[in-house]
Amino acid sequence: MSDDFFDYLHELFSDFGPISTRAMFGGHGVYFDGRIIGIVIDDALYLKADDETKPAFEAAGCAPFVYESRGKVVPMSYWSLPADAMDSPQAFTPWARRANEAALRKPIKPARKKRAR
């Protein structure tokens, strides 16, 4: 993720709350209060969606992030944003709230124990 895009993300989230980012799988995870609420791939932001928030993303003409695995296209639960949501923190905040709500509804999986070798 470029430094400019990183700064831009922090500006977008400024009305919502402080975020952190971590490198993962060729991109970055975007975290709020310890939960992942978005991903950044090639300087494009995708926010977490679930069955309750997906209709808002679909109505705005957004699309899920997809990747290819074993010849199949696999959609993820992270969606693009409407262009106007990326214009200002005020326009962006409702989308950040939706992503956080989706993250809060997803149960946290317990950490897997490593097996002794």
Protein backbone atom coordinates (compact mmCIF):
# COMPACT_ATOMS: atom_id res chain seq x y z
CA MET A 1 0.00 0.00 0.00
CA SER A 2 1.43 3.36 -0.95
CA ASP A 3 2.06 5.93 1.77
CA ASP A 4 -0.31 8.33 0.01
CA PHE A 5 -3.13 5.78 0.05
CA PHE A 6 -2.38 4.93 3.68
CA ASP A 7 -2.69 8.63 4.61
CA TYR A 8 -5.88 8.89 2.55
CA LEU A 9 -7.40 5.91 4.41
CA HIS A 10 -6.72 7.50 7.77
CA GLU A 11 -8.35 10.70 6.54
CA LEU A 12 -11.44 8.79 5.29
CA PHE A 13 -11.82 7.00 8.63
CA SER A 14 -11.24 10.19 10.67
CA ASP A 15 -14.95 10.75 11.44
CA PHE A 16 -15.45 7.05 12.24
CA GLY A 17 -12.48 6.24 14.44
CA PRO A 18 -8.81 5.21 14.49
CA ILE A 19 -7.80 2.29 12.30
CA SER A 20 -4.70 0.19 11.95
CA THR A 21 -3.46 -1.79 8.97
CA ARG A 22 -1.44 -4.99 8.64
CA ALA A 23 0.12 -6.61 5.60
CA MET A 24 -1.62 -9.84 4.60
CA PHE A 25 -1.96 -12.02 1.49
CA GLY A 26 -0.47 -9.51 -0.94
CA GLY A 27 -2.57 -6.68 0.45
CA HIS A 28 -3.42 -5.14 3.80
CA GLY A 29 -6.11 -5.70 6.40
CA VAL A 30 -7.87 -2.66 7.87
CA TYR A 31 -8.69 -3.06 11.57
CA PHE A 32 -10.93 -1.15 13.96
CA ASP A 33 -11.03 -2.12 17.65
CA GLY A 34 -9.08 -5.28 16.86
CA ARG A 35 -11.52 -6.56 14.22
CA ILE A 36 -10.88 -6.61 10.49
CA ILE A 37 -13.38 -4.39 8.71
CA GLY A 38 -11.70 -4.01 5.34
CA ILE A 39 -8.96 -5.01 2.98
CA VAL A 40 -6.77 -3.01 0.63
CA ILE A 41 -5.62 -4.65 -2.57
CA ASP A 42 -3.66 -2.61 -5.15
CA ASP A 43 -4.61 0.67 -3.43
CA ALA A 44 -8.32 -0.17 -3.63
CA LEU A 45 -10.40 -0.42 -0.44
CA TYR A 46 -13.03 -3.11 0.11
CA LEU A 47 -15.19 -3.11 3.25
CA LYS A 48 -16.67 -6.08 5.10
CA ALA A 49 -20.27 -6.93 4.30
CA ASP A 50 -22.67 -9.61 5.49
CA ASP A 51 -26.25 -10.64 4.72
CA GLU A 52 -27.60 -7.56 6.52
CA THR A 53 -25.36 -4.98 4.84
CA LYS A 54 -24.85 -6.56 1.40
CA PRO A 55 -28.12 -5.08 0.01
CA ALA A 56 -26.83 -1.53 0.62
CA PHE A 57 -23.61 -2.32 -1.26
CA GLU A 58 -25.55 -3.96 -4.11
CA ALA A 59 -27.98 -1.02 -4.35
CA ALA A 60 -25.03 1.37 -4.66
CA GLY A 61 -23.60 -0.64 -7.57
CA CYS A 62 -20.68 -2.08 -5.60
CA ALA A 63 -19.16 -5.50 -6.17
CA PRO A 64 -17.39 -8.08 -3.99
CA PHE A 65 -13.66 -8.56 -4.16
CA VAL A 66 -13.01 -11.81 -6.05
CA TYR A 67 -9.95 -13.96 -6.55
CA GLU A 68 -9.26 -17.06 -8.59
CA SER A 69 -8.50 -20.38 -6.94
CA ARG A 70 -8.11 -23.67 -8.78
CA GLY A 71 -9.77 -22.24 -11.87
CA LYS A 72 -12.80 -20.90 -9.99
CA VAL A 73 -13.74 -17.32 -9.17
CA VAL A 74 -14.21 -16.95 -5.42
CA PRO A 75 -16.08 -13.90 -4.05
CA MET A 76 -15.10 -12.62 -0.62
CA SER A 77 -17.22 -10.82 1.95
CA TYR A 78 -15.42 -7.54 1.21
CA TRP A 79 -17.11 -5.10 -1.17
CA SER A 80 -16.03 -2.11 -3.21
CA LEU A 81 -17.48 1.30 -2.39
CA PRO A 82 -19.42 3.82 -4.43
CA ALA A 83 -17.12 6.53 -5.82
CA ASP A 84 -18.82 9.31 -3.85
CA ALA A 85 -18.15 7.46 -0.57
CA MET A 86 -14.44 7.95 -1.22
CA ASP A 87 -14.82 11.75 -1.54
CA SER A 88 -14.95 12.73 2.13
CA PRO A 89 -14.98 11.35 5.66
CA GLN A 90 -18.64 12.40 5.96
CA ALA A 91 -19.68 10.43 2.86
CA PHE A 92 -17.51 7.48 3.91
CA THR A 93 -18.58 7.09 7.55
CA PRO A 94 -21.94 5.29 6.91
CA TRP A 95 -20.03 2.65 4.92
CA ALA A 96 -17.45 2.25 7.68
CA ARG A 97 -20.29 1.76 10.18
CA ARG A 98 -21.82 -0.96 7.99
CA ALA A 99 -18.46 -2.73 7.81
CA ASN A 100 -17.98 -2.52 11.56
CA GLU A 101 -21.52 -3.81 12.20
CA ALA A 102 -20.83 -6.79 9.90
CA ALA A 103 -17.55 -7.46 11.72
CA LEU A 104 -19.28 -7.30 15.10
CA ARG A 105 -21.89 -9.84 13.98
CA LYS A 106 -19.22 -12.32 12.87
CA PRO A 107 -18.19 -14.55 15.77
CA ILE A 108 -14.51 -14.59 16.64
CA LYS A 109 -12.98 -18.00 16.10
CA PRO A 110 -10.87 -19.26 18.98
CA ALA A 111 -7.15 -19.40 18.23
CA ARG A 112 -6.05 -22.78 16.96
CA LYS A 113 -3.53 -24.60 19.08
CA LYS A 114 -0.37 -25.63 17.36
CA ARG A 115 0.33 -29.32 17.44
CA ALA A 116 3.61 -30.55 18.86
CA ARG A 117 5.85 -32.22 16.33
